[in-house]
Protein backbone atom coordinates (compact mmCIF):
# COMPACT_ATOMS: atom_id res chain seq x y z
CA MET A 1 -0.06 -0.17 -0.01
CA GLN A 2 2.87 2.05 0.73
CA ASN A 3 4.22 2.25 -2.84
CA GLN A 4 1.43 2.46 -4.38
CA THR A 5 0.58 5.85 -2.45
CA ASN A 6 3.60 7.31 -3.16
CA GLN A 7 2.72 6.95 -6.97
CA VAL A 8 -0.36 8.72 -6.56
CA ILE A 9 0.85 11.74 -4.19
CA ALA A 10 4.67 12.51 -4.02
CA ASN A 11 6.62 14.18 -1.53
CA PRO A 12 4.84 16.89 -0.49
CA ALA A 13 8.37 19.13 -0.53
CA ALA A 14 8.43 18.61 -4.23
CA ALA A 15 5.40 21.09 -4.61
CA ASN A 16 6.93 23.71 -2.78
CA PRO A 17 10.10 25.38 -4.41
CA ALA A 18 10.92 27.16 -1.52
CA ALA A 19 11.80 24.09 0.42
CA ALA A 20 14.29 23.20 -2.50
CA ASN A 21 15.61 26.86 -2.25
CA PRO A 22 15.84 27.85 1.30
CA SER A 23 17.88 31.28 0.45
CA ALA A 24 15.05 32.15 -1.73
CA ALA A 25 12.57 35.35 -0.37
CA ARG A 26 10.71 33.85 2.71
CA PRO A 27 7.28 34.05 2.78
CA GLU A 28 5.26 34.70 5.91
CA PRO A 29 5.30 31.48 8.40
CA THR A 30 2.64 29.04 7.89
CA LEU A 31 1.53 26.02 9.87
CA VAL A 32 1.66 22.55 7.85
CA PRO A 33 -1.37 20.62 8.68
CA PRO A 34 -1.23 17.09 9.59
CA VAL A 35 -3.03 14.88 6.70
CA ASP A 36 -3.88 10.91 6.52
CA ILE A 37 -3.69 9.55 3.16
CA VAL A 38 -5.66 6.29 2.15
CA GLU A 39 -5.99 4.68 -1.49
CA ASP A 40 -8.15 2.44 -2.76
CA ALA A 41 -9.48 1.07 -6.29
CA ASN A 42 -10.76 4.06 -7.53
CA GLY A 43 -8.90 6.75 -5.99
CA ILE A 44 -7.34 8.47 -2.72
CA THR A 45 -8.92 10.26 0.22
CA VAL A 46 -6.56 12.73 2.13
CA THR A 47 -8.00 13.67 5.66
CA ALA A 48 -6.78 16.99 7.08
CA ASP A 49 -6.57 18.68 10.56
CA LEU A 50 -7.45 22.29 9.90
CA PRO A 51 -9.26 23.42 13.68
CA GLY A 52 -10.90 26.90 13.74
CA VAL A 53 -11.26 26.89 9.89
CA ASP A 54 -14.21 28.10 7.97
CA PRO A 55 -15.58 26.12 5.02
CA ASP A 56 -15.65 29.90 3.43
CA ASP A 57 -12.30 30.66 3.85
CA LEU A 58 -10.70 27.40 2.97
CA VAL A 59 -8.84 27.72 -0.69
CA ILE A 60 -7.93 23.99 -2.34
CA ARG A 61 -6.40 25.16 -5.60
CA VAL A 62 -4.95 22.47 -8.47
CA GLU A 63 -2.59 24.23 -10.82
CA GLY A 64 -1.09 21.25 -13.12
CA ARG A 65 0.08 18.35 -11.08
CA SER A 66 0.29 20.87 -7.50
CA LEU A 67 -2.50 20.73 -5.13
CA THR A 68 -2.54 23.31 -2.35
CA LEU A 69 -5.00 23.66 0.99
CA GLU A 70 -4.72 27.24 2.21
CA ALA A 71 -6.54 29.04 5.27
CA PRO A 72 -6.29 31.23 7.58
CA LEU A 73 -5.15 30.09 11.20
CA ARG A 74 -7.65 30.87 13.97
CA LEU A 75 -6.69 29.71 17.13
CA GLY A 76 -9.75 31.47 19.43
CA GLU A 77 -7.32 33.53 21.45
CA ALA A 78 -8.69 37.16 22.46
CA ASP A 79 -7.24 40.00 20.83
CA ALA A 80 -6.25 41.64 24.45
CA ILE A 81 -3.93 38.92 25.09
CA ALA A 82 -0.44 39.51 24.82
CA PHE A 83 1.64 36.33 24.53
CA VAL A 84 4.94 35.98 26.89
CA TYR A 85 5.76 32.59 24.70
CA SER A 86 3.93 31.29 21.87
CA GLU A 87 5.26 27.99 19.72
CA VAL A 88 2.56 28.73 17.13
CA ARG A 89 3.79 31.99 15.22
CA ALA A 90 2.07 31.39 11.73
CA SER A 91 -0.95 33.05 11.02
CA ARG A 92 -2.45 31.07 7.76
CA TYR A 93 -2.27 26.64 7.28
CA ARG A 94 -0.64 25.87 3.63
CA ARG A 95 0.10 22.39 2.39
CA SER A 96 1.06 21.38 -0.97
CA PHE A 97 1.25 18.25 -2.80
CA GLU A 98 2.51 16.78 -5.95
CA LEU A 99 -0.23 14.66 -7.73
CA SER A 100 0.12 11.95 -10.00
CA GLY A 101 -1.38 12.07 -13.55
CA GLU A 102 -3.59 9.22 -12.74
CA LEU A 103 -6.08 11.39 -10.92
CA ASP A 104 -8.84 13.24 -12.42
CA THR A 105 -8.43 16.40 -10.85
CA GLY A 106 -11.26 17.98 -12.26
CA ALA A 107 -13.54 15.83 -9.90
CA ILE A 108 -12.25 16.44 -6.76
CA GLN A 109 -14.62 16.76 -3.72
CA ALA A 110 -14.12 18.43 -0.63
CA ASP A 111 -16.11 18.35 2.76
CA LEU A 112 -14.78 20.46 6.02
CA ARG A 113 -16.61 19.42 8.97
CA ASP A 114 -15.59 20.21 12.54
CA GLY A 115 -12.40 21.41 11.57
CA VAL A 116 -11.58 18.20 9.35
CA LEU A 117 -11.29 18.28 5.79
CA LYS A 118 -11.56 15.50 3.48
CA LEU A 119 -10.92 15.41 -0.34
CA ARG A 120 -11.41 12.70 -2.73
CA LEU A 121 -9.44 12.65 -5.36
CA PRO A 122 -10.59 10.10 -7.97
CA LYS A 123 -8.52 7.73 -10.51
CA SER A 124 -9.20 8.52 -14.28
CA GLU A 125 -10.78 6.08 -16.02
CA ARG A 126 -8.27 4.69 -17.95
CA ALA A 127 -6.00 4.46 -14.56
CA LYS A 128 -8.43 2.20 -12.63
CA PRO A 129 -8.14 -1.79 -12.33
CA ARG A 130 -10.01 -3.47 -14.82
CA ARG A 131 -10.81 -7.06 -15.23
CA ILE A 132 -10.08 -8.32 -19.03
CA GLU A 133 -12.71 -10.86 -19.72
CA VAL A 134 -11.04 -14.12 -21.26
CA ARG A 135 -13.03 -16.02 -24.11
CA ALA A 136 -12.34 -19.50 -25.19
CA ALA A 137 -10.96 -20.16 -28.31
CA PRO A 138 -13.56 -21.88 -30.96
């Protein structure tokens, strides 16, 4: 299963050119949401934890073979709080993936409920497994 998943979604860092060139201009810090990726015969399902994200604020973008998830990070703290120390300095969630050509990016479905995003990326018909009928010779 592991090898198949790597063929469908490659290394997430590959879709992020800044990761390849650390001396490039640094964008604002972002929090990389944890994801689970499950593959079946018909496609893959990506489940991402995005607590506090409103569906209207979530941006899911496909450009070529790159899939990007972005949303503002809101932890629910009051504006009047002055932090003495904070480990989360990011103001946005952001995660990118490089997609396989086997996926039908025009048919992606997304559902965000209670801070959990489920993306369904179906395989194209030509990439789905199929059974070949064998006929007896006359």
